[in-house]
mmCIF file of all heavy atoms, coordinates in Angstrom:
data_MODEL
# 
_entry.id   MODEL 
# 
loop_
_atom_site.group_PDB 
_atom_site.id 
_atom_site.type_symbol 
_atom_site.label_atom_id 
_atom_site.label_alt_id 
_atom_site.label_comp_id 
_atom_site.label_asym_id 
_atom_site.label_entity_id 
_atom_site.label_seq_id 
_atom_site.pdbx_PDB_ins_code 
_atom_site.Cartn_x 
_atom_site.Cartn_y 
_atom_site.Cartn_z 
_atom_site.occupancy 
_atom_site.B_iso_or_equiv 
_atom_site.pdbx_formal_charge 
_atom_site.auth_seq_id 
_atom_site.auth_comp_id 
_atom_site.auth_asym_id 
_atom_site.auth_atom_id 
_atom_site.pdbx_PDB_model_num 
ATOM 1   N N   . GLU A 1 1  ? -0.271  10.138  -18.291 1.00 0.00 ? 1  GLU A N   1 
ATOM 2   C CA  . GLU A 1 1  ? -0.986  10.566  -17.111 1.00 0.00 ? 1  GLU A CA  1 
ATOM 3   C C   . GLU A 1 1  ? -1.113  9.403   -16.093 1.00 0.00 ? 1  GLU A C   1 
ATOM 4   O O   . GLU A 1 1  ? -0.918  9.589   -14.910 1.00 0.00 ? 1  GLU A O   1 
ATOM 5   C CB  . GLU A 1 1  ? -2.384  11.049  -17.525 1.00 0.00 ? 1  GLU A CB  1 
ATOM 6   C CG  . GLU A 1 1  ? -3.219  11.578  -16.395 1.00 0.00 ? 1  GLU A CG  1 
ATOM 7   C CD  . GLU A 1 1  ? -4.564  12.091  -16.853 1.00 0.00 ? 1  GLU A CD  1 
ATOM 8   O OE1 . GLU A 1 1  ? -4.630  12.753  -17.918 1.00 0.00 ? 1  GLU A OE1 1 
ATOM 9   O OE2 . GLU A 1 1  ? -5.553  11.772  -16.182 1.00 0.00 ? 1  GLU A OE2 1 
ATOM 10  N N   . GLU A 1 2  ? -1.437  8.228   -16.619 1.00 0.00 ? 2  GLU A N   1 
ATOM 11  C CA  . GLU A 1 2  ? -1.550  7.052   -15.732 1.00 0.00 ? 2  GLU A CA  1 
ATOM 12  C C   . GLU A 1 2  ? -0.211  6.714   -15.093 1.00 0.00 ? 2  GLU A C   1 
ATOM 13  O O   . GLU A 1 2  ? -0.135  6.370   -13.933 1.00 0.00 ? 2  GLU A O   1 
ATOM 14  C CB  . GLU A 1 2  ? -2.077  5.877   -16.527 1.00 0.00 ? 2  GLU A CB  1 
ATOM 15  C CG  . GLU A 1 2  ? -2.433  4.679   -15.683 1.00 0.00 ? 2  GLU A CG  1 
ATOM 16  C CD  . GLU A 1 2  ? -3.131  3.604   -16.456 1.00 0.00 ? 2  GLU A CD  1 
ATOM 17  O OE1 . GLU A 1 2  ? -3.682  3.855   -17.521 1.00 0.00 ? 2  GLU A OE1 1 
ATOM 18  O OE2 . GLU A 1 2  ? -3.104  2.453   -15.937 1.00 0.00 ? 2  GLU A OE2 1 
ATOM 19  N N   . LEU A 1 3  ? 0.886   6.792   -15.889 1.00 0.00 ? 3  LEU A N   1 
ATOM 20  C CA  . LEU A 1 3  ? 2.206   6.543   -15.336 1.00 0.00 ? 3  LEU A CA  1 
ATOM 21  C C   . LEU A 1 3  ? 2.539   7.527   -14.226 1.00 0.00 ? 3  LEU A C   1 
ATOM 22  O O   . LEU A 1 3  ? 3.063   7.124   -13.169 1.00 0.00 ? 3  LEU A O   1 
ATOM 23  C CB  . LEU A 1 3  ? 3.251   6.626   -16.428 1.00 0.00 ? 3  LEU A CB  1 
ATOM 24  C CG  . LEU A 1 3  ? 4.710   6.433   -15.992 1.00 0.00 ? 3  LEU A CG  1 
ATOM 25  C CD1 . LEU A 1 3  ? 4.909   5.051   -15.375 1.00 0.00 ? 3  LEU A CD1 1 
ATOM 26  C CD2 . LEU A 1 3  ? 5.649   6.640   -17.155 1.00 0.00 ? 3  LEU A CD2 1 
ATOM 27  N N   . SER A 1 4  ? 2.193   8.776   -14.440 1.00 0.00 ? 4  SER A N   1 
ATOM 28  C CA  . SER A 1 4  ? 2.450   9.807   -13.414 1.00 0.00 ? 4  SER A CA  1 
ATOM 29  C C   . SER A 1 4  ? 1.669   9.469   -12.127 1.00 0.00 ? 4  SER A C   1 
ATOM 30  O O   . SER A 1 4  ? 2.196   9.568   -11.020 1.00 0.00 ? 4  SER A O   1 
ATOM 31  C CB  . SER A 1 4  ? 2.026   11.158  -13.923 1.00 0.00 ? 4  SER A CB  1 
ATOM 32  O OG  . SER A 1 4  ? 2.165   12.139  -12.934 1.00 0.00 ? 4  SER A OG  1 
ATOM 33  N N   . LYS A 1 5  ? 0.409   9.032   -12.259 1.00 0.00 ? 5  LYS A N   1 
ATOM 34  C CA  . LYS A 1 5  ? -0.370  8.657   -11.072 1.00 0.00 ? 5  LYS A CA  1 
ATOM 35  C C   . LYS A 1 5  ? 0.231   7.482   -10.351 1.00 0.00 ? 5  LYS A C   1 
ATOM 36  O O   . LYS A 1 5  ? 0.281   7.432   -9.122  1.00 0.00 ? 5  LYS A O   1 
ATOM 37  C CB  . LYS A 1 5  ? -1.820  8.360   -11.471 1.00 0.00 ? 5  LYS A CB  1 
ATOM 38  C CG  . LYS A 1 5  ? -2.620  9.555   -11.859 1.00 0.00 ? 5  LYS A CG  1 
ATOM 39  C CD  . LYS A 1 5  ? -4.028  9.145   -12.297 1.00 0.00 ? 5  LYS A CD  1 
ATOM 40  C CE  . LYS A 1 5  ? -4.815  10.330  -12.780 1.00 0.00 ? 5  LYS A CE  1 
ATOM 41  N NZ  . LYS A 1 5  ? -6.156  9.933   -13.252 1.00 0.00 ? 5  LYS A NZ  1 
ATOM 42  N N   . ILE A 1 6  ? 0.707   6.502   -11.106 1.00 0.00 ? 6  ILE A N   1 
ATOM 43  C CA  . ILE A 1 6  ? 1.297   5.320   -10.528 1.00 0.00 ? 6  ILE A CA  1 
ATOM 44  C C   . ILE A 1 6  ? 2.587   5.672   -9.786  1.00 0.00 ? 6  ILE A C   1 
ATOM 45  O O   . ILE A 1 6  ? 2.823   5.195   -8.672  1.00 0.00 ? 6  ILE A O   1 
ATOM 46  C CB  . ILE A 1 6  ? 1.550   4.230   -11.621 1.00 0.00 ? 6  ILE A CB  1 
ATOM 47  C CG1 . ILE A 1 6  ? 0.230   3.664   -12.094 1.00 0.00 ? 6  ILE A CG1 1 
ATOM 48  C CG2 . ILE A 1 6  ? 2.468   3.118   -11.074 1.00 0.00 ? 6  ILE A CG2 1 
ATOM 49  C CD1 . ILE A 1 6  ? 0.359   2.779   -13.319 1.00 0.00 ? 6  ILE A CD1 1 
ATOM 50  N N   . GLU A 1 7  ? 3.398   6.539   -10.392 1.00 0.00 ? 7  GLU A N   1 
ATOM 51  C CA  . GLU A 1 7  ? 4.641   6.960   -9.752  1.00 0.00 ? 7  GLU A CA  1 
ATOM 52  C C   . GLU A 1 7  ? 4.338   7.726   -8.471  1.00 0.00 ? 7  GLU A C   1 
ATOM 53  O O   . GLU A 1 7  ? 5.021   7.538   -7.459  1.00 0.00 ? 7  GLU A O   1 
ATOM 54  C CB  . GLU A 1 7  ? 5.481   7.804   -10.688 1.00 0.00 ? 7  GLU A CB  1 
ATOM 55  C CG  . GLU A 1 7  ? 6.116   6.948   -11.826 1.00 0.00 ? 7  GLU A CG  1 
ATOM 56  C CD  . GLU A 1 7  ? 6.772   7.796   -12.873 1.00 0.00 ? 7  GLU A CD  1 
ATOM 57  O OE1 . GLU A 1 7  ? 6.461   9.014   -13.006 1.00 0.00 ? 7  GLU A OE1 1 
ATOM 58  O OE2 . GLU A 1 7  ? 7.625   7.269   -13.600 1.00 0.00 ? 7  GLU A OE2 1 
ATOM 59  N N   . ASP A 1 8  ? 3.307   8.574   -8.515  1.00 0.00 ? 8  ASP A N   1 
ATOM 60  C CA  . ASP A 1 8  ? 2.899   9.306   -7.265  1.00 0.00 ? 8  ASP A CA  1 
ATOM 61  C C   . ASP A 1 8  ? 2.456   8.344   -6.201  1.00 0.00 ? 8  ASP A C   1 
ATOM 62  O O   . ASP A 1 8  ? 2.834   8.469   -5.010  1.00 0.00 ? 8  ASP A O   1 
ATOM 63  C CB  . ASP A 1 8  ? 1.763   10.294  -7.573  1.00 0.00 ? 8  ASP A CB  1 
ATOM 64  C CG  . ASP A 1 8  ? 2.213   11.453  -8.437  1.00 0.00 ? 8  ASP A CG  1 
ATOM 65  O OD1 . ASP A 1 8  ? 3.456   11.706  -8.522  1.00 0.00 ? 8  ASP A OD1 1 
ATOM 66  O OD2 . ASP A 1 8  ? 1.340   12.142  -8.997  1.00 0.00 ? 8  ASP A OD2 1 
ATOM 67  N N   . ARG A 1 9  ? 1.663   7.352   -6.584  1.00 0.00 ? 9  ARG A N   1 
ATOM 68  C CA  . ARG A 1 9  ? 1.189   6.344   -5.595  1.00 0.00 ? 9  ARG A CA  1 
ATOM 69  C C   . ARG A 1 9  ? 2.335   5.539   -5.029  1.00 0.00 ? 9  ARG A C   1 
ATOM 70  O O   . ARG A 1 9  ? 2.393   5.247   -3.843  1.00 0.00 ? 9  ARG A O   1 
ATOM 71  C CB  . ARG A 1 9  ? 0.175   5.428   -6.290  1.00 0.00 ? 9  ARG A CB  1 
ATOM 72  C CG  . ARG A 1 9  ? -0.357  4.322   -5.416  1.00 0.00 ? 9  ARG A CG  1 
ATOM 73  C CD  . ARG A 1 9  ? -1.309  4.862   -4.360  1.00 0.00 ? 9  ARG A CD  1 
ATOM 74  N NE  . ARG A 1 9  ? -1.886  3.734   -3.661  1.00 0.00 ? 9  ARG A NE  1 
ATOM 75  C CZ  . ARG A 1 9  ? -2.035  3.697   -2.339  1.00 0.00 ? 9  ARG A CZ  1 
ATOM 76  N NH1 . ARG A 1 9  ? -1.677  4.688   -1.617  1.00 0.00 ? 9  ARG A NH1 1 
ATOM 77  N NH2 . ARG A 1 9  ? -2.519  2.645   -1.783  1.00 0.00 ? 9  ARG A NH2 1 
ATOM 78  N N   . LEU A 1 10 ? 3.321   5.216   -5.872  1.00 0.00 ? 10 LEU A N   1 
ATOM 79  C CA  . LEU A 1 10 ? 4.501   4.446   -5.414  1.00 0.00 ? 10 LEU A CA  1 
ATOM 80  C C   . LEU A 1 10 ? 5.278   5.280   -4.404  1.00 0.00 ? 10 LEU A C   1 
ATOM 81  O O   . LEU A 1 10 ? 5.697   4.742   -3.371  1.00 0.00 ? 10 LEU A O   1 
ATOM 82  C CB  . LEU A 1 10 ? 5.385   4.088   -6.606  1.00 0.00 ? 10 LEU A CB  1 
ATOM 83  C CG  . LEU A 1 10 ? 6.644   3.290   -6.303  1.00 0.00 ? 10 LEU A CG  1 
ATOM 84  C CD1 . LEU A 1 10 ? 6.279   1.963   -5.599  1.00 0.00 ? 10 LEU A CD1 1 
ATOM 85  C CD2 . LEU A 1 10 ? 7.426   3.015   -7.589  1.00 0.00 ? 10 LEU A CD2 1 
ATOM 86  N N   . ARG A 1 11 ? 5.501   6.556   -4.695  1.00 0.00 ? 11 ARG A N   1 
ATOM 87  C CA  . ARG A 1 11 ? 6.194   7.423   -3.728  1.00 0.00 ? 11 ARG A CA  1 
ATOM 88  C C   . ARG A 1 11 ? 5.432   7.533   -2.421  1.00 0.00 ? 11 ARG A C   1 
ATOM 89  O O   . ARG A 1 11 ? 6.015   7.458   -1.351  1.00 0.00 ? 11 ARG A O   1 
ATOM 90  C CB  . ARG A 1 11 ? 6.369   8.837   -4.328  1.00 0.00 ? 11 ARG A CB  1 
ATOM 91  C CG  . ARG A 1 11 ? 7.519   8.940   -5.263  1.00 0.00 ? 11 ARG A CG  1 
ATOM 92  C CD  . ARG A 1 11 ? 7.875   10.389  -5.595  1.00 0.00 ? 11 ARG A CD  1 
ATOM 93  N NE  . ARG A 1 11 ? 6.856   11.020  -6.427  1.00 0.00 ? 11 ARG A NE  1 
ATOM 94  C CZ  . ARG A 1 11 ? 6.772   10.889  -7.723  1.00 0.00 ? 11 ARG A CZ  1 
ATOM 95  N NH1 . ARG A 1 11 ? 7.643   10.138  -8.378  1.00 0.00 ? 11 ARG A NH1 1 
ATOM 96  N NH2 . ARG A 1 11 ? 5.816   11.485  -8.410  1.00 0.00 ? 11 ARG A NH2 1 
ATOM 97  N N   . GLU A 1 12 ? 4.111   7.593   -2.524  1.00 0.00 ? 12 GLU A N   1 
ATOM 98  C CA  . GLU A 1 12 ? 3.287   7.645   -1.329  1.00 0.00 ? 12 GLU A CA  1 
ATOM 99  C C   . GLU A 1 12 ? 3.415   6.374   -0.483  1.00 0.00 ? 12 GLU A C   1 
ATOM 100 O O   . GLU A 1 12 ? 3.549   6.436   0.725   1.00 0.00 ? 12 GLU A O   1 
ATOM 101 C CB  . GLU A 1 12 ? 1.821   7.876   -1.766  1.00 0.00 ? 12 GLU A CB  1 
ATOM 102 C CG  . GLU A 1 12 ? 0.838   7.933   -0.627  1.00 0.00 ? 12 GLU A CG  1 
ATOM 103 C CD  . GLU A 1 12 ? -0.577  8.077   -1.160  1.00 0.00 ? 12 GLU A CD  1 
ATOM 104 O OE1 . GLU A 1 12 ? -0.822  8.893   -2.053  1.00 0.00 ? 12 GLU A OE1 1 
ATOM 105 O OE2 . GLU A 1 12 ? -1.465  7.298   -0.666  1.00 0.00 ? 12 GLU A OE2 1 
ATOM 106 N N   . LEU A 1 13 ? 3.385   5.238   -1.166  1.00 0.00 ? 13 LEU A N   1 
ATOM 107 C CA  . LEU A 1 13 ? 3.534   3.945   -0.456  1.00 0.00 ? 13 LEU A CA  1 
ATOM 108 C C   . LEU A 1 13 ? 4.876   3.823   0.185   1.00 0.00 ? 13 LEU A C   1 
ATOM 109 O O   . LEU A 1 13 ? 4.977   3.282   1.307   1.00 0.00 ? 13 LEU A O   1 
ATOM 110 C CB  . LEU A 1 13 ? 3.246   2.796   -1.379  1.00 0.00 ? 13 LEU A CB  1 
ATOM 111 C CG  . LEU A 1 13 ? 1.804   2.600   -1.828  1.00 0.00 ? 13 LEU A CG  1 
ATOM 112 C CD1 . LEU A 1 13 ? 1.702   1.556   -2.923  1.00 0.00 ? 13 LEU A CD1 1 
ATOM 113 C CD2 . LEU A 1 13 ? 0.939   2.231   -0.668  1.00 0.00 ? 13 LEU A CD2 1 
ATOM 114 N N   . LYS A 1 14 ? 5.899   4.226   -0.491  1.00 0.00 ? 14 LYS A N   1 
ATOM 115 C CA  . LYS A 1 14 ? 7.265   4.140   0.045   1.00 0.00 ? 14 LYS A CA  1 
ATOM 116 C C   . LYS A 1 14 ? 7.409   5.068   1.270   1.00 0.00 ? 14 LYS A C   1 
ATOM 117 O O   . LYS A 1 14 ? 8.118   4.733   2.205   1.00 0.00 ? 14 LYS A O   1 
ATOM 118 C CB  . LYS A 1 14 ? 8.301   4.512   -1.011  1.00 0.00 ? 14 LYS A CB  1 
ATOM 119 C CG  . LYS A 1 14 ? 8.506   3.410   -2.021  1.00 0.00 ? 14 LYS A CG  1 
ATOM 120 C CD  . LYS A 1 14 ? 9.583   3.807   -3.037  1.00 0.00 ? 14 LYS A CD  1 
ATOM 121 C CE  . LYS A 1 14 ? 9.821   2.679   -4.016  1.00 0.00 ? 14 LYS A CE  1 
ATOM 122 N NZ  . LYS A 1 14 ? 10.883  3.063   -5.021  1.00 0.00 ? 14 LYS A NZ  1 
ATOM 123 N N   . ALA A 1 15 ? 6.741   6.181   1.253   1.00 0.00 ? 15 ALA A N   1 
ATOM 124 C CA  . ALA A 1 15 ? 6.825   7.159   2.369   1.00 0.00 ? 15 ALA A CA  1 
ATOM 125 C C   . ALA A 1 15 ? 6.113   6.636   3.623   1.00 0.00 ? 15 ALA A C   1 
ATOM 126 O O   . ALA A 1 15 ? 6.496   6.939   4.741   1.00 0.00 ? 15 ALA A O   1 
ATOM 127 C CB  . ALA A 1 15 ? 6.253   8.506   1.959   1.00 0.00 ? 15 ALA A CB  1 
ATOM 128 N N   . THR A 1 16 ? 5.013   5.878   3.440   1.00 0.00 ? 16 THR A N   1 
ATOM 129 C CA  . THR A 1 16 ? 4.239   5.447   4.588   1.00 0.00 ? 16 THR A CA  1 
ATOM 130 C C   . THR A 1 16 ? 4.879   4.246   5.282   1.00 0.00 ? 16 THR A C   1 
ATOM 131 O O   . THR A 1 16 ? 4.593   3.991   6.459   1.00 0.00 ? 16 THR A O   1 
ATOM 132 C CB  . THR A 1 16 ? 2.784   5.055   4.198   1.00 0.00 ? 16 THR A CB  1 
ATOM 133 O OG1 . THR A 1 16 ? 2.871   4.031   3.228   1.00 0.00 ? 16 THR A OG1 1 
ATOM 134 C CG2 . THR A 1 16 ? 2.068   6.235   3.665   1.00 0.00 ? 16 THR A CG2 1 
ATOM 135 N N   . GLY A 1 17 ? 5.704   3.530   4.590   1.00 0.00 ? 17 GLY A N   1 
ATOM 136 C CA  . GLY A 1 17 ? 6.377   2.371   5.217   1.00 0.00 ? 17 GLY A CA  1 
ATOM 137 C C   . GLY A 1 17 ? 5.496   1.148   5.155   1.00 0.00 ? 17 GLY A C   1 
ATOM 138 O O   . GLY A 1 17 ? 4.406   1.159   4.600   1.00 0.00 ? 17 GLY A O   1 
ATOM 139 N N   . PRO A 1 18 ? 5.939   0.052   5.770   1.00 0.00 ? 18 PRO A N   1 
ATOM 140 C CA  . PRO A 1 18 ? 5.215   -1.220  5.707   1.00 0.00 ? 18 PRO A CA  1 
ATOM 141 C C   . PRO A 1 18 ? 3.927   -1.160  6.516   1.00 0.00 ? 18 PRO A C   1 
ATOM 142 O O   . PRO A 1 18 ? 3.799   -0.456  7.515   1.00 0.00 ? 18 PRO A O   1 
ATOM 143 C CB  . PRO A 1 18 ? 6.175   -2.214  6.300   1.00 0.00 ? 18 PRO A CB  1 
ATOM 144 C CG  . PRO A 1 18 ? 7.095   -1.410  7.159   1.00 0.00 ? 18 PRO A CG  1 
ATOM 145 C CD  . PRO A 1 18 ? 7.173   -0.061  6.515   1.00 0.00 ? 18 PRO A CD  1 
ATOM 146 N N   . VAL A 1 19 ? 2.926   -1.924  6.066   1.00 0.00 ? 19 VAL A N   1 
ATOM 147 C CA  . VAL A 1 19 ? 1.685   -2.061  6.803   1.00 0.00 ? 19 VAL A CA  1 
ATOM 148 C C   . VAL A 1 19 ? 1.587   -3.556  7.183   1.00 0.00 ? 19 VAL A C   1 
ATOM 149 O O   . VAL A 1 19 ? 1.749   -4.430  6.327   1.00 0.00 ? 19 VAL A O   1 
ATOM 150 C CB  . VAL A 1 19 ? 0.486   -1.650  5.894   1.00 0.00 ? 19 VAL A CB  1 
ATOM 151 C CG1 . VAL A 1 19 ? -0.797  -1.902  6.650   1.00 0.00 ? 19 VAL A CG1 1 
ATOM 152 C CG2 . VAL A 1 19 ? 0.627   -0.213  5.513   1.00 0.00 ? 19 VAL A CG2 1 
ATOM 153 N N   . TYR A 1 20 ? 1.314   -3.803  8.433   1.00 0.00 ? 20 TYR A N   1 
ATOM 154 C CA  . TYR A 1 20 ? 1.259   -5.167  8.917   1.00 0.00 ? 20 TYR A CA  1 
ATOM 155 C C   . TYR A 1 20 ? -0.223  -5.600  9.047   1.00 0.00 ? 20 TYR A C   1 
ATOM 156 O O   . TYR A 1 20 ? -1.032  -4.816  9.450   1.00 0.00 ? 20 TYR A O   1 
ATOM 157 C CB  . TYR A 1 20 ? 1.980   -5.305  10.219  1.00 0.00 ? 20 TYR A CB  1 
ATOM 158 C CG  . TYR A 1 20 ? 3.432   -5.001  10.118  1.00 0.00 ? 20 TYR A CG  1 
ATOM 159 C CD1 . TYR A 1 20 ? 3.936   -3.732  10.494  1.00 0.00 ? 20 TYR A CD1 1 
ATOM 160 C CD2 . TYR A 1 20 ? 4.306   -5.925  9.584   1.00 0.00 ? 20 TYR A CD2 1 
ATOM 161 C CE1 . TYR A 1 20 ? 5.256   -3.442  10.327  1.00 0.00 ? 20 TYR A CE1 1 
ATOM 162 C CE2 . TYR A 1 20 ? 5.664   -5.615  9.450   1.00 0.00 ? 20 TYR A CE2 1 
ATOM 163 C CZ  . TYR A 1 20 ? 6.121   -4.385  9.804   1.00 0.00 ? 20 TYR A CZ  1 
ATOM 164 O OH  . TYR A 1 20 ? 7.441   -4.080  9.689   1.00 0.00 ? 20 TYR A OH  1 
ATOM 165 N N   . ILE A 1 21 ? -0.475  -6.849  8.752   1.00 0.00 ? 21 ILE A N   1 
ATOM 166 C CA  . ILE A 1 21 ? -1.795  -7.418  8.877   1.00 0.00 ? 21 ILE A CA  1 
ATOM 167 C C   . ILE A 1 21 ? -1.665  -8.742  9.663   1.00 0.00 ? 21 ILE A C   1 
ATOM 168 O O   . ILE A 1 21 ? -0.713  -9.513  9.432   1.00 0.00 ? 21 ILE A O   1 
ATOM 169 C CB  . ILE A 1 21 ? -2.425  -7.638  7.493   1.00 0.00 ? 21 ILE A CB  1 
ATOM 170 C CG1 . ILE A 1 21 ? -3.904  -8.134  7.640   1.00 0.00 ? 21 ILE A CG1 1 
ATOM 171 C CG2 . ILE A 1 21 ? -1.629  -8.574  6.639   1.00 0.00 ? 21 ILE A CG2 1 
ATOM 172 C CD1 . ILE A 1 21 ? -4.662  -8.056  6.338   1.00 0.00 ? 21 ILE A CD1 1 
ATOM 173 N N   . THR A 1 22 ? -2.618  -8.942  10.549  1.00 0.00 ? 22 THR A N   1 
ATOM 174 C CA  . THR A 1 22 ? -2.536  -10.140 11.384  1.00 0.00 ? 22 THR A CA  1 
ATOM 175 C C   . THR A 1 22 ? -3.231  -11.308 10.713  1.00 0.00 ? 22 THR A C   1 
ATOM 176 O O   . THR A 1 22 ? -4.048  -11.141 9.803   1.00 0.00 ? 22 THR A O   1 
ATOM 177 C CB  . THR A 1 22 ? -3.194  -9.871  12.776  1.00 0.00 ? 22 THR A CB  1 
ATOM 178 O OG1 . THR A 1 22 ? -4.617  -9.669  12.528  1.00 0.00 ? 22 THR A OG1 1 
ATOM 179 C CG2 . THR A 1 22 ? -2.590  -8.679  13.441  1.00 0.00 ? 22 THR A CG2 1 
ATOM 180 N N   . ALA A 1 23 ? -2.985  -12.487 11.224  1.00 0.00 ? 23 ALA A N   1 
ATOM 181 C CA  . ALA A 1 23 ? -3.639  -13.682 10.712  1.00 0.00 ? 23 ALA A CA  1 
ATOM 182 C C   . ALA A 1 23 ? -5.126  -13.617 10.956  1.00 0.00 ? 23 ALA A C   1 
ATOM 183 O O   . ALA A 1 23 ? -5.942  -14.051 10.144  1.00 0.00 ? 23 ALA A O   1 
ATOM 184 C CB  . ALA A 1 23 ? -3.041  -14.933 11.348  1.00 0.00 ? 23 ALA A CB  1 
ATOM 185 N N   . GLU A 1 24 ? -5.523  -13.009 12.088  1.00 0.00 ? 24 GLU A N   1 
ATOM 186 C CA  . GLU A 1 24 ? -6.928  -12.841 12.381  1.00 0.00 ? 24 GLU A CA  1 
ATOM 187 C C   . GLU A 1 24 ? -7.638  -11.944 11.366  1.00 0.00 ? 24 GLU A C   1 
ATOM 188 O O   . GLU A 1 24 ? -8.764  -12.225 10.948  1.00 0.00 ? 24 GLU A O   1 
ATOM 189 C CB  . GLU A 1 24 ? -7.140  -12.306 13.811  1.00 0.00 ? 24 GLU A CB  1 
ATOM 190 C CG  . GLU A 1 24 ? -8.595  -12.197 14.220  1.00 0.00 ? 24 GLU A CG  1 
ATOM 191 C CD  . GLU A 1 24 ? -9.352  -13.492 14.205  1.00 0.00 ? 24 GLU A CD  1 
ATOM 192 O OE1 . GLU A 1 24 ? -8.747  -14.573 14.404  1.00 0.00 ? 24 GLU A OE1 1 
ATOM 193 O OE2 . GLU A 1 24 ? -10.584 -13.441 13.922  1.00 0.00 ? 24 GLU A OE2 1 
ATOM 194 N N   . GLN A 1 25 ? -6.983  -10.895 10.952  1.00 0.00 ? 25 GLN A N   1 
ATOM 195 C CA  . GLN A 1 25 ? -7.565  -9.978  9.960   1.00 0.00 ? 25 GLN A CA  1 
ATOM 196 C C   . GLN A 1 25 ? -7.757  -10.716 8.597   1.00 0.00 ? 25 GLN A C   1 
ATOM 197 O O   . GLN A 1 25 ? -8.746  -10.528 7.927   1.00 0.00 ? 25 GLN A O   1 
ATOM 198 C CB  . GLN A 1 25 ? -6.691  -8.768  9.754   1.00 0.00 ? 25 GLN A CB  1 
ATOM 199 C CG  . GLN A 1 25 ? -6.714  -7.834  10.949  1.00 0.00 ? 25 GLN A CG  1 
ATOM 200 C CD  . GLN A 1 25 ? -5.666  -6.733  10.837  1.00 0.00 ? 25 GLN A CD  1 
ATOM 201 O OE1 . GLN A 1 25 ? -4.538  -6.965  10.446  1.00 0.00 ? 25 GLN A OE1 1 
ATOM 202 N NE2 . GLN A 1 25 ? -6.054  -5.485  11.170  1.00 0.00 ? 25 GLN A NE2 1 
ATOM 203 N N   . ILE A 1 26 ? -6.754  -11.526 8.241   1.00 0.00 ? 26 ILE A N   1 
ATOM 204 C CA  . ILE A 1 26 ? -6.873  -12.309 7.000   1.00 0.00 ? 26 ILE A CA  1 
ATOM 205 C C   . ILE A 1 26 ? -8.022  -13.311 7.146   1.00 0.00 ? 26 ILE A C   1 
ATOM 206 O O   . ILE A 1 26 ? -8.828  -13.477 6.215   1.00 0.00 ? 26 ILE A O   1 
ATOM 207 C CB  . ILE A 1 26 ? -5.543  -13.059 6.730   1.00 0.00 ? 26 ILE A CB  1 
ATOM 208 C CG1 . ILE A 1 26 ? -4.464  -12.007 6.393   1.00 0.00 ? 26 ILE A CG1 1 
ATOM 209 C CG2 . ILE A 1 26 ? -5.707  -14.018 5.578   1.00 0.00 ? 26 ILE A CG2 1 
ATOM 210 C CD1 . ILE A 1 26 ? -3.081  -12.596 6.258   1.00 0.00 ? 26 ILE A CD1 1 
ATOM 211 N N   . ARG A 1 27 ? -8.122  -13.940 8.274   1.00 0.00 ? 27 ARG A N   1 
ATOM 212 C CA  . ARG A 1 27 ? -9.221  -14.909 8.477   1.00 0.00 ? 27 ARG A CA  1 
ATOM 213 C C   . ARG A 1 27 ? -10.583 -14.240 8.402   1.00 0.00 ? 27 ARG A C   1 
ATOM 214 O O   . ARG A 1 27 ? -11.520 -14.760 7.798   1.00 0.00 ? 27 ARG A O   1 
ATOM 215 C CB  . ARG A 1 27 ? -9.045  -15.596 9.860   1.00 0.00 ? 27 ARG A CB  1 
ATOM 216 C CG  . ARG A 1 27 ? -9.911  -16.787 10.067  1.00 0.00 ? 27 ARG A CG  1 
ATOM 217 C CD  . ARG A 1 27 ? -9.588  -17.525 11.375  1.00 0.00 ? 27 ARG A CD  1 
ATOM 218 N NE  . ARG A 1 27 ? -8.228  -17.961 11.445  1.00 0.00 ? 27 ARG A NE  1 
ATOM 219 C CZ  . ARG A 1 27 ? -7.303  -17.508 12.309  1.00 0.00 ? 27 ARG A CZ  1 
ATOM 220 N NH1 . ARG A 1 27 ? -7.599  -16.541 13.162  1.00 0.00 ? 27 ARG A NH1 1 
ATOM 221 N NH2 . ARG A 1 27 ? -6.054  -17.957 12.295  1.00 0.00 ? 27 ARG A NH2 1 
ATOM 222 N N   . GLN A 1 28 ? -10.716 -13.017 9.002   1.00 0.00 ? 28 GLN A N   1 
ATOM 223 C CA  . GLN A 1 28 ? -11.958 -12.317 8.952   1.00 0.00 ? 28 GLN A CA  1 
ATOM 224 C C   . GLN A 1 28 ? -12.351 -11.940 7.494   1.00 0.00 ? 28 GLN A C   1 
ATOM 225 O O   . GLN A 1 28 ? -13.498 -12.081 7.076   1.00 0.00 ? 28 GLN A O   1 
ATOM 226 C CB  . GLN A 1 28 ? -11.914 -11.055 9.804   1.00 0.00 ? 28 GLN A CB  1 
ATOM 227 C CG  . GLN A 1 28 ? -11.896 -11.315 11.285  1.00 0.00 ? 28 GLN A CG  1 
ATOM 228 C CD  . GLN A 1 28 ? -11.663 -10.061 12.077  1.00 0.00 ? 28 GLN A CD  1 
ATOM 229 O OE1 . GLN A 1 28 ? -11.375 -8.988  11.557  1.00 0.00 ? 28 GLN A OE1 1 
ATOM 230 N NE2 . GLN A 1 28 ? -11.781 -10.175 13.391  1.00 0.00 ? 28 GLN A NE2 1 
ATOM 231 N N   . LYS A 1 29 ? -11.400 -11.456 6.741   1.00 0.00 ? 29 LYS A N   1 
ATOM 232 C CA  . LYS A 1 29 ? -11.641 -11.091 5.342   1.00 0.00 ? 29 LYS A CA  1 
ATOM 233 C C   . LYS A 1 29 ? -12.018 -12.330 4.545   1.00 0.00 ? 29 LYS A C   1 
ATOM 234 O O   . LYS A 1 29 ? -12.954 -12.278 3.716   1.00 0.00 ? 29 LYS A O   1 
ATOM 235 C CB  . LYS A 1 29 ? -10.397 -10.446 4.763   1.00 0.00 ? 29 LYS A CB  1 
ATOM 236 C CG  . LYS A 1 29 ? -10.649 -9.762  3.446   1.00 0.00 ? 29 LYS A CG  1 
ATOM 237 C CD  . LYS A 1 29 ? -11.769 -8.764  3.489   1.00 0.00 ? 29 LYS A CD  1 
ATOM 238 C CE  . LYS A 1 29 ? -11.292 -7.380  3.448   1.00 0.00 ? 29 LYS A CE  1 
ATOM 239 N NZ  . LYS A 1 29 ? -12.428 -6.400  3.313   1.00 0.00 ? 29 LYS A NZ  1 
# 
């Protein structure tokens, strides 16, 4: 069940494409 969830999440991440974060966002965090 956990493997299935991970595979679903991986497919979802691949479908959304890259997410960019700025240096300012990293600094704020």
